[in-house]
Amino acid sequence: MKKLILAAVTASLAGPVAAAPLCDDLGFAGLLAACNRGDTIQLTLASGQPLGEDTVLQSGAYYKLEITADGSAELAIEGPSFFRSIWMNEIVINSIEIRPMAIDSIEFDKAGTAELSFIAIKPGSHTVRIPGSTGDAQSVTFSIQ
């Protein structure tokens, strides 16, 4: 009986299995190290155009998300589930760096680009979409593994 309890306690102390970062030697920069960066993700806000492609992200890896609006319409993206499942490093707009705690959406009144850098954290499937849209091309799913 004591061995069974000891095994249960040991297993609970080990904690959940976490996904590994993209590299083994993170160095001084930690998770922000260059070797831990995934490919840049591109989203395009344009009237009548697809938003982007569904993407698989590695939990613990660092990514950049570039959102470009062409100015053809006043458009936004929203994705509270996604934005709550990542650690946001910064948002860069016109060379201005913003370090938010959290966001729900980003709206573009005219043409421009916003660059978000983040670390994917919480595994699951998360949708980012143009608010009020119903078409499949107007949303993107991020699957964090």
N, C-alpha and C. Protein backbone atom coordinates (compact mmCIF):
# COMPACT_ATOMS: atom_id res chain seq x y z
N MET A 1 0.82 -1.19 0.00
CA MET A 1 0.00 0.00 0.00
C MET A 1 0.87 1.27 0.00
N LYS A 2 1.94 1.25 0.85
CA LYS A 2 2.82 2.41 0.92
C LYS A 2 3.49 2.67 -0.43
N LYS A 3 3.86 1.60 -1.16
CA LYS A 3 4.49 1.76 -2.47
C LYS A 3 3.52 2.41 -3.45
N LEU A 4 2.24 2.02 -3.39
CA LEU A 4 1.22 2.57 -4.27
C LEU A 4 1.03 4.06 -4.00
N ILE A 5 0.96 4.45 -2.73
CA ILE A 5 0.80 5.86 -2.38
C ILE A 5 2.04 6.65 -2.79
N LEU A 6 3.23 6.09 -2.54
CA LEU A 6 4.47 6.75 -2.93
C LEU A 6 4.53 6.96 -4.45
N ALA A 7 4.10 5.96 -5.21
CA ALA A 7 4.10 6.08 -6.66
C ALA A 7 3.13 7.17 -7.11
N ALA A 8 1.96 7.27 -6.48
CA ALA A 8 0.97 8.29 -6.83
C ALA A 8 1.49 9.68 -6.50
N VAL A 9 2.12 9.84 -5.33
CA VAL A 9 2.67 11.14 -4.95
C VAL A 9 3.80 11.53 -5.89
N THR A 10 4.69 10.61 -6.21
CA THR A 10 5.80 10.89 -7.12
C THR A 10 5.29 11.31 -8.49
N ALA A 11 4.26 10.62 -8.99
CA ALA A 11 3.69 10.96 -10.30
C ALA A 11 3.06 12.35 -10.28
N SER A 12 2.40 12.71 -9.17
CA SER A 12 1.76 14.02 -9.11
C SER A 12 2.79 15.14 -8.98
N LEU A 13 3.92 14.87 -8.36
CA LEU A 13 4.97 15.88 -8.23
C LEU A 13 5.70 16.11 -9.55
N ALA A 14 5.69 15.11 -10.41
CA ALA A 14 6.38 15.24 -11.70
C ALA A 14 5.71 16.29 -12.57
N GLY A 15 4.43 16.54 -12.41
CA GLY A 15 3.71 17.56 -13.16
C GLY A 15 3.35 17.08 -14.55
N PRO A 16 2.60 17.91 -15.27
CA PRO A 16 2.19 17.53 -16.61
C PRO A 16 3.36 17.55 -17.58
N VAL A 17 3.25 16.75 -18.61
CA VAL A 17 4.27 16.73 -19.64
C VAL A 17 4.08 17.97 -20.50
N ALA A 18 5.12 18.74 -20.71
CA ALA A 18 5.04 19.97 -21.50
C ALA A 18 5.77 19.80 -22.82
N ALA A 19 5.30 20.51 -23.83
CA ALA A 19 5.96 20.48 -25.13
C ALA A 19 7.31 21.19 -25.01
N ALA A 20 8.28 20.68 -25.72
CA ALA A 20 9.63 21.25 -25.69
C ALA A 20 9.71 22.45 -26.63
N PRO A 21 10.57 23.42 -26.32
CA PRO A 21 10.80 24.50 -27.26
C PRO A 21 11.43 23.95 -28.54
N LEU A 22 11.65 24.80 -29.52
CA LEU A 22 12.16 24.36 -30.81
C LEU A 22 13.65 24.06 -30.80
N CYS A 23 14.39 24.50 -29.75
CA CYS A 23 15.83 24.24 -29.69
C CYS A 23 16.24 23.83 -28.28
N ASP A 24 17.41 23.21 -28.17
CA ASP A 24 17.88 22.74 -26.88
C ASP A 24 18.70 23.77 -26.11
N ASP A 25 19.42 24.65 -26.81
CA ASP A 25 20.30 25.61 -26.16
C ASP A 25 19.70 27.01 -26.28
N LEU A 26 18.80 27.35 -25.33
CA LEU A 26 18.12 28.64 -25.40
C LEU A 26 19.03 29.80 -25.02
N GLY A 27 20.03 29.56 -24.19
CA GLY A 27 20.98 30.60 -23.82
C GLY A 27 20.35 31.71 -23.01
N PHE A 28 21.03 32.86 -23.00
CA PHE A 28 20.63 34.00 -22.18
C PHE A 28 19.24 34.53 -22.55
N ALA A 29 18.86 34.46 -23.82
CA ALA A 29 17.58 35.01 -24.27
C ALA A 29 16.39 34.15 -23.87
N GLY A 30 16.64 32.94 -23.39
CA GLY A 30 15.54 32.07 -22.98
C GLY A 30 14.63 31.72 -24.15
N LEU A 31 13.33 31.72 -23.90
CA LEU A 31 12.37 31.34 -24.94
C LEU A 31 12.35 32.31 -26.13
N LEU A 32 12.92 33.51 -25.96
CA LEU A 32 12.97 34.48 -27.06
C LEU A 32 14.18 34.27 -27.96
N ALA A 33 14.98 33.24 -27.70
CA ALA A 33 16.19 32.95 -28.48
C ALA A 33 15.84 32.73 -29.95
N ALA A 34 16.76 33.11 -30.82
CA ALA A 34 16.55 32.98 -32.27
C ALA A 34 16.27 31.54 -32.68
N CYS A 35 16.89 30.57 -32.02
CA CYS A 35 16.68 29.17 -32.40
C CYS A 35 15.30 28.66 -32.01
N ASN A 36 14.55 29.41 -31.19
CA ASN A 36 13.23 28.99 -30.73
C ASN A 36 12.11 29.67 -31.51
N ARG A 37 12.43 30.30 -32.64
CA ARG A 37 11.43 31.05 -33.39
C ARG A 37 10.84 30.25 -34.54
N GLY A 38 9.53 30.24 -34.58
CA GLY A 38 8.84 29.60 -35.70
C GLY A 38 8.74 30.58 -36.86
N ASP A 39 8.16 30.12 -37.95
CA ASP A 39 7.98 30.96 -39.13
C ASP A 39 7.01 32.10 -38.83
N THR A 40 7.21 33.23 -39.49
CA THR A 40 6.31 34.37 -39.36
C THR A 40 4.97 34.01 -40.00
N ILE A 41 3.89 34.36 -39.33
CA ILE A 41 2.53 34.07 -39.79
C ILE A 41 1.97 35.35 -40.41
N GLN A 42 1.39 35.24 -41.60
CA GLN A 42 0.85 36.39 -42.32
C GLN A 42 -0.68 36.32 -42.35
N LEU A 43 -1.35 37.40 -41.94
CA LEU A 43 -2.79 37.54 -42.11
C LEU A 43 -3.03 38.81 -42.92
N THR A 44 -4.02 38.78 -43.81
CA THR A 44 -4.33 39.93 -44.66
C THR A 44 -5.77 40.34 -44.47
N LEU A 45 -5.98 41.59 -44.10
CA LEU A 45 -7.33 42.14 -43.99
C LEU A 45 -7.63 42.92 -45.26
N ALA A 46 -8.48 42.35 -46.10
CA ALA A 46 -8.85 42.98 -47.36
C ALA A 46 -10.29 42.59 -47.67
N SER A 47 -11.06 43.53 -48.14
CA SER A 47 -12.46 43.28 -48.44
C SER A 47 -12.62 42.15 -49.45
N GLY A 48 -13.33 41.10 -49.06
CA GLY A 48 -13.60 39.98 -49.95
C GLY A 48 -12.46 39.01 -50.14
N GLN A 49 -11.37 39.16 -49.42
CA GLN A 49 -10.21 38.28 -49.56
C GLN A 49 -10.08 37.35 -48.35
N PRO A 50 -9.49 36.16 -48.55
CA PRO A 50 -9.28 35.26 -47.41
C PRO A 50 -8.34 35.89 -46.38
N LEU A 51 -8.60 35.60 -45.11
CA LEU A 51 -7.79 36.15 -44.02
C LEU A 51 -6.40 35.54 -43.98
N GLY A 52 -6.30 34.23 -44.18
CA GLY A 52 -5.01 33.54 -44.12
C GLY A 52 -5.24 32.05 -44.06
N GLU A 53 -4.20 31.32 -43.67
CA GLU A 53 -4.28 29.86 -43.60
C GLU A 53 -4.24 29.38 -42.16
N ASP A 54 -4.93 28.27 -41.90
CA ASP A 54 -4.86 27.64 -40.58
C ASP A 54 -3.41 27.26 -40.30
N THR A 55 -3.01 27.38 -39.02
CA THR A 55 -1.61 27.20 -38.66
C THR A 55 -1.48 26.37 -37.40
N VAL A 56 -0.47 25.49 -37.38
CA VAL A 56 -0.15 24.70 -36.20
C VAL A 56 1.05 25.35 -35.52
N LEU A 57 0.93 25.60 -34.22
CA LEU A 57 1.99 26.23 -33.43
C LEU A 57 2.48 25.26 -32.36
N GLN A 58 3.74 25.39 -32.01
CA GLN A 58 4.35 24.57 -30.96
C GLN A 58 4.29 25.34 -29.64
N SER A 59 3.71 24.74 -28.62
CA SER A 59 3.68 25.36 -27.31
C SER A 59 5.12 25.58 -26.83
N GLY A 60 5.40 26.78 -26.35
CA GLY A 60 6.75 27.11 -25.88
C GLY A 60 7.61 27.76 -26.95
N ALA A 61 7.13 27.85 -28.18
CA ALA A 61 7.90 28.46 -29.26
C ALA A 61 7.47 29.92 -29.45
N TYR A 62 8.41 30.71 -30.00
CA TYR A 62 8.23 32.15 -30.21
C TYR A 62 7.83 32.39 -31.67
N TYR A 63 6.81 33.23 -31.89
CA TYR A 63 6.32 33.50 -33.24
C TYR A 63 6.09 34.99 -33.44
N LYS A 64 6.04 35.39 -34.72
CA LYS A 64 5.60 36.72 -35.10
C LYS A 64 4.37 36.55 -35.99
N LEU A 65 3.39 37.41 -35.75
CA LEU A 65 2.17 37.43 -36.53
C LEU A 65 2.07 38.81 -37.16
N GLU A 66 2.12 38.87 -38.49
CA GLU A 66 2.00 40.14 -39.21
C GLU A 66 0.60 40.24 -39.78
N ILE A 67 -0.12 41.28 -39.36
CA ILE A 67 -1.48 41.53 -39.84
C ILE A 67 -1.40 42.77 -40.72
N THR A 68 -1.73 42.60 -41.99
CA THR A 68 -1.65 43.71 -42.94
C THR A 68 -3.04 44.01 -43.49
N ALA A 69 -3.46 45.27 -43.36
CA ALA A 69 -4.73 45.73 -43.93
C ALA A 69 -4.44 46.53 -45.18
N ASP A 70 -5.21 46.27 -46.25
CA ASP A 70 -4.96 46.99 -47.50
C ASP A 70 -5.74 48.30 -47.60
N GLY A 71 -6.60 48.58 -46.63
CA GLY A 71 -7.36 49.83 -46.62
C GLY A 71 -8.62 49.81 -47.44
N SER A 72 -8.98 48.64 -47.99
CA SER A 72 -10.19 48.56 -48.83
C SER A 72 -11.47 48.67 -48.01
N ALA A 73 -11.40 48.44 -46.72
CA ALA A 73 -12.54 48.56 -45.83
C ALA A 73 -12.04 48.67 -44.40
N GLU A 74 -12.87 49.19 -43.51
CA GLU A 74 -12.53 49.24 -42.10
C GLU A 74 -12.78 47.84 -41.55
N LEU A 75 -11.70 47.13 -41.21
CA LEU A 75 -11.81 45.74 -40.78
C LEU A 75 -11.04 45.50 -39.49
N ALA A 76 -11.46 44.45 -38.79
CA ALA A 76 -10.81 44.07 -37.54
C ALA A 76 -10.65 42.57 -37.50
N ILE A 77 -9.85 42.10 -36.56
CA ILE A 77 -9.81 40.68 -36.24
C ILE A 77 -10.07 40.55 -34.74
N GLU A 78 -10.72 39.46 -34.37
CA GLU A 78 -10.96 39.18 -32.97
C GLU A 78 -10.66 37.71 -32.71
N GLY A 79 -10.24 37.42 -31.52
CA GLY A 79 -9.92 36.04 -31.16
C GLY A 79 -9.54 35.93 -29.70
N PRO A 80 -10.47 36.24 -28.78
CA PRO A 80 -10.13 36.22 -27.36
C PRO A 80 -9.54 34.90 -26.89
N SER A 81 -10.04 33.79 -27.40
CA SER A 81 -9.51 32.48 -27.00
C SER A 81 -8.04 32.35 -27.38
N PHE A 82 -7.69 32.77 -28.59
CA PHE A 82 -6.30 32.72 -29.03
C PHE A 82 -5.44 33.67 -28.22
N PHE A 83 -5.89 34.91 -28.07
CA PHE A 83 -5.09 35.90 -27.38
C PHE A 83 -4.89 35.57 -25.90
N ARG A 84 -5.77 34.77 -25.31
CA ARG A 84 -5.61 34.35 -23.92
C ARG A 84 -4.77 33.08 -23.80
N SER A 85 -4.41 32.49 -24.93
CA SER A 85 -3.63 31.26 -24.95
C SER A 85 -2.17 31.49 -25.32
N ILE A 86 -1.78 32.74 -25.40
CA ILE A 86 -0.40 33.08 -25.74
C ILE A 86 0.13 34.08 -24.71
N TRP A 87 1.46 34.17 -24.63
CA TRP A 87 2.09 35.25 -23.87
C TRP A 87 2.54 36.26 -24.91
N MET A 88 1.96 37.46 -24.83
CA MET A 88 2.24 38.51 -25.80
C MET A 88 3.50 39.26 -25.40
N ASN A 89 4.51 39.23 -26.25
CA ASN A 89 5.73 40.00 -26.00
C ASN A 89 5.48 41.46 -26.32
N GLU A 90 5.03 41.73 -27.56
CA GLU A 90 4.77 43.11 -27.94
C GLU A 90 3.94 43.17 -29.21
N ILE A 91 3.33 44.34 -29.43
CA ILE A 91 2.66 44.68 -30.68
C ILE A 91 3.40 45.90 -31.22
N VAL A 92 3.80 45.85 -32.48
CA VAL A 92 4.51 46.97 -33.09
C VAL A 92 3.63 47.55 -34.19
N ILE A 93 3.33 48.86 -34.06
CA ILE A 93 2.55 49.59 -35.05
C ILE A 93 3.29 50.89 -35.35
N ASN A 94 3.67 51.11 -36.61
CA ASN A 94 4.42 52.32 -37.00
C ASN A 94 5.64 52.53 -36.11
N SER A 95 6.39 51.49 -35.88
CA SER A 95 7.61 51.52 -35.07
C SER A 95 7.37 51.87 -33.60
N ILE A 96 6.12 51.81 -33.17
CA ILE A 96 5.79 52.03 -31.76
C ILE A 96 5.54 50.66 -31.14
N GLU A 97 6.29 50.35 -30.07
CA GLU A 97 6.18 49.05 -29.41
C GLU A 97 5.20 49.16 -28.23
N ILE A 98 4.23 48.26 -28.23
CA ILE A 98 3.22 48.21 -27.17
C ILE A 98 3.36 46.87 -26.48
N ARG A 99 3.41 46.85 -25.18
CA ARG A 99 3.54 45.62 -24.41
C ARG A 99 2.26 45.41 -23.60
N PRO A 100 1.26 44.79 -24.22
CA PRO A 100 -0.03 44.64 -23.55
C PRO A 100 -0.10 43.44 -22.61
N MET A 101 -0.99 43.50 -21.65
CA MET A 101 -1.29 42.33 -20.82
C MET A 101 -2.16 41.37 -21.62
N ALA A 102 -3.15 41.91 -22.33
CA ALA A 102 -4.05 41.08 -23.13
C ALA A 102 -4.81 41.97 -24.11
N ILE A 103 -5.30 41.36 -25.18
CA ILE A 103 -6.16 42.06 -26.14
C ILE A 103 -7.28 41.11 -26.54
N ASP A 104 -8.36 41.68 -27.06
CA ASP A 104 -9.45 40.89 -27.63
C ASP A 104 -9.48 41.01 -29.14
N SER A 105 -9.13 42.22 -29.63
CA SER A 105 -9.22 42.46 -31.07
C SER A 105 -8.30 43.60 -31.48
N ILE A 106 -8.09 43.70 -32.79
CA ILE A 106 -7.33 44.80 -33.39
C ILE A 106 -8.13 45.27 -34.59
N GLU A 107 -8.35 46.59 -34.69
CA GLU A 107 -9.12 47.14 -35.81
C GLU A 107 -8.25 48.08 -36.62
N PHE A 108 -8.40 48.00 -37.94
CA PHE A 108 -7.68 48.87 -38.87
C PHE A 108 -8.69 49.78 -39.55
N ASP A 109 -8.52 51.09 -39.39
CA ASP A 109 -9.39 52.06 -40.06
C ASP A 109 -8.88 52.37 -41.46
N LYS A 110 -7.58 52.18 -41.68
CA LYS A 110 -6.98 52.40 -43.00
C LYS A 110 -5.83 51.42 -43.17
N ALA A 111 -5.16 51.48 -44.30
CA ALA A 111 -4.08 50.55 -44.61
C ALA A 111 -2.96 50.64 -43.58
N GLY A 112 -2.37 49.50 -43.27
CA GLY A 112 -1.27 49.48 -42.33
C GLY A 112 -0.93 48.06 -41.91
N THR A 113 0.11 47.94 -41.09
CA THR A 113 0.56 46.64 -40.62
C THR A 113 0.79 46.70 -39.11
N ALA A 114 0.35 45.65 -38.44
CA ALA A 114 0.62 45.46 -37.02
C ALA A 114 1.38 44.14 -36.89
N GLU A 115 2.45 44.14 -36.12
CA GLU A 115 3.24 42.93 -35.92
C GLU A 115 3.16 42.55 -34.45
N LEU A 116 2.68 41.33 -34.19
CA LEU A 116 2.59 40.81 -32.83
C LEU A 116 3.66 39.76 -32.66
N SER A 117 4.41 39.82 -31.57
CA SER A 117 5.35 38.74 -31.26
C SER A 117 4.86 38.09 -29.97
N PHE A 118 4.92 36.76 -29.94
CA PHE A 118 4.33 36.04 -28.83
C PHE A 118 4.94 34.66 -28.67
N ILE A 119 4.67 34.05 -27.52
CA ILE A 119 5.01 32.66 -27.28
C ILE A 119 3.70 31.90 -27.11
N ALA A 120 3.52 30.86 -27.91
CA ALA A 120 2.33 30.02 -27.80
C ALA A 120 2.40 29.26 -26.48
N ILE A 121 1.31 29.24 -25.74
CA ILE A 121 1.32 28.63 -24.41
C ILE A 121 0.30 27.49 -24.27
N LYS A 122 -0.97 27.81 -24.34
CA LYS A 122 -2.04 26.88 -23.98
C LYS A 122 -2.47 26.03 -25.18
N PRO A 123 -2.25 24.72 -25.10
CA PRO A 123 -2.66 23.85 -26.21
C PRO A 123 -4.16 23.89 -26.46
N GLY A 124 -4.51 23.76 -27.71
CA GLY A 124 -5.91 23.74 -28.11
C GLY A 124 -6.08 24.37 -29.47
N SER A 125 -7.31 24.44 -29.89
CA SER A 125 -7.65 25.01 -31.19
C SER A 125 -8.35 26.34 -30.96
N HIS A 126 -7.82 27.41 -31.56
CA HIS A 126 -8.31 28.76 -31.30
C HIS A 126 -8.57 29.48 -32.63
N THR A 127 -9.71 30.14 -32.73
CA THR A 127 -10.10 30.81 -33.97
C THR A 127 -9.93 32.32 -33.85
N VAL A 128 -9.36 32.90 -34.90
CA VAL A 128 -9.27 34.35 -35.07
C VAL A 128 -10.09 34.66 -36.31
N ARG A 129 -10.98 35.65 -36.20
CA ARG A 129 -11.88 35.93 -37.32
C ARG A 129 -12.15 37.41 -37.47
N ILE A 130 -12.71 37.77 -38.61
CA ILE A 130 -13.20 39.12 -38.83
C ILE A 130 -14.57 39.17 -38.16
N PRO A 131 -14.78 40.08 -37.21
CA PRO A 131 -16.05 40.12 -36.46
C PRO A 131 -17.25 40.26 -37.38
N GLY A 132 -18.30 39.51 -37.07
CA GLY A 132 -19.54 39.55 -37.84
C GLY A 132 -19.51 38.76 -39.13
N SER A 133 -18.38 38.17 -39.47
CA SER A 133 -18.29 37.40 -40.71
C SER A 133 -18.72 35.96 -40.46
N THR A 134 -19.19 35.32 -41.52
CA THR A 134 -19.63 33.93 -41.40
C THR A 134 -18.88 32.99 -42.34
N GLY A 135 -18.16 33.53 -43.29
CA GLY A 135 -17.46 32.69 -44.27
C GLY A 135 -16.22 32.04 -43.68
N ASP A 136 -15.93 30.83 -44.16
CA ASP A 136 -14.74 30.10 -43.71
C ASP A 136 -13.45 30.85 -44.03
N ALA A 137 -13.42 31.58 -45.14
CA ALA A 137 -12.21 32.29 -45.54
C ALA A 137 -11.96 33.53 -44.66
N GLN A 138 -12.95 33.90 -43.84
CA GLN A 138 -12.83 35.08 -43.00
C GLN A 138 -12.37 34.74 -41.58
N SER A 139 -11.88 33.50 -41.41
CA SER A 139 -11.35 33.09 -40.11
C SER A 139 -10.13 32.20 -40.31
N VAL A 140 -9.31 32.14 -39.27
CA VAL A 140 -8.11 31.30 -39.27
C VAL A 140 -8.10 30.56 -37.94
N THR A 141 -7.71 29.29 -37.98
CA THR A 141 -7.60 28.50 -36.76
C THR A 141 -6.13 28.27 -36.43
N PHE A 142 -5.76 28.59 -35.20
CA PHE A 142 -4.43 28.32 -34.69
C PHE A 142 -4.53 27.13 -33.74
N SER A 143 -3.83 26.07 -34.07
CA SER A 143 -3.80 24.88 -33.21
C SER A 143 -2.47 24.85 -32.48
N ILE A 144 -2.53 25.03 -31.16
CA ILE A 144 -1.32 25.00 -30.35
C ILE A 144 -1.15 23.59 -29.82
N GLN A 145 0.02 23.00 -30.10
CA GLN A 145 0.29 21.62 -29.66
C GLN A 145 1.40 21.60 -28.64
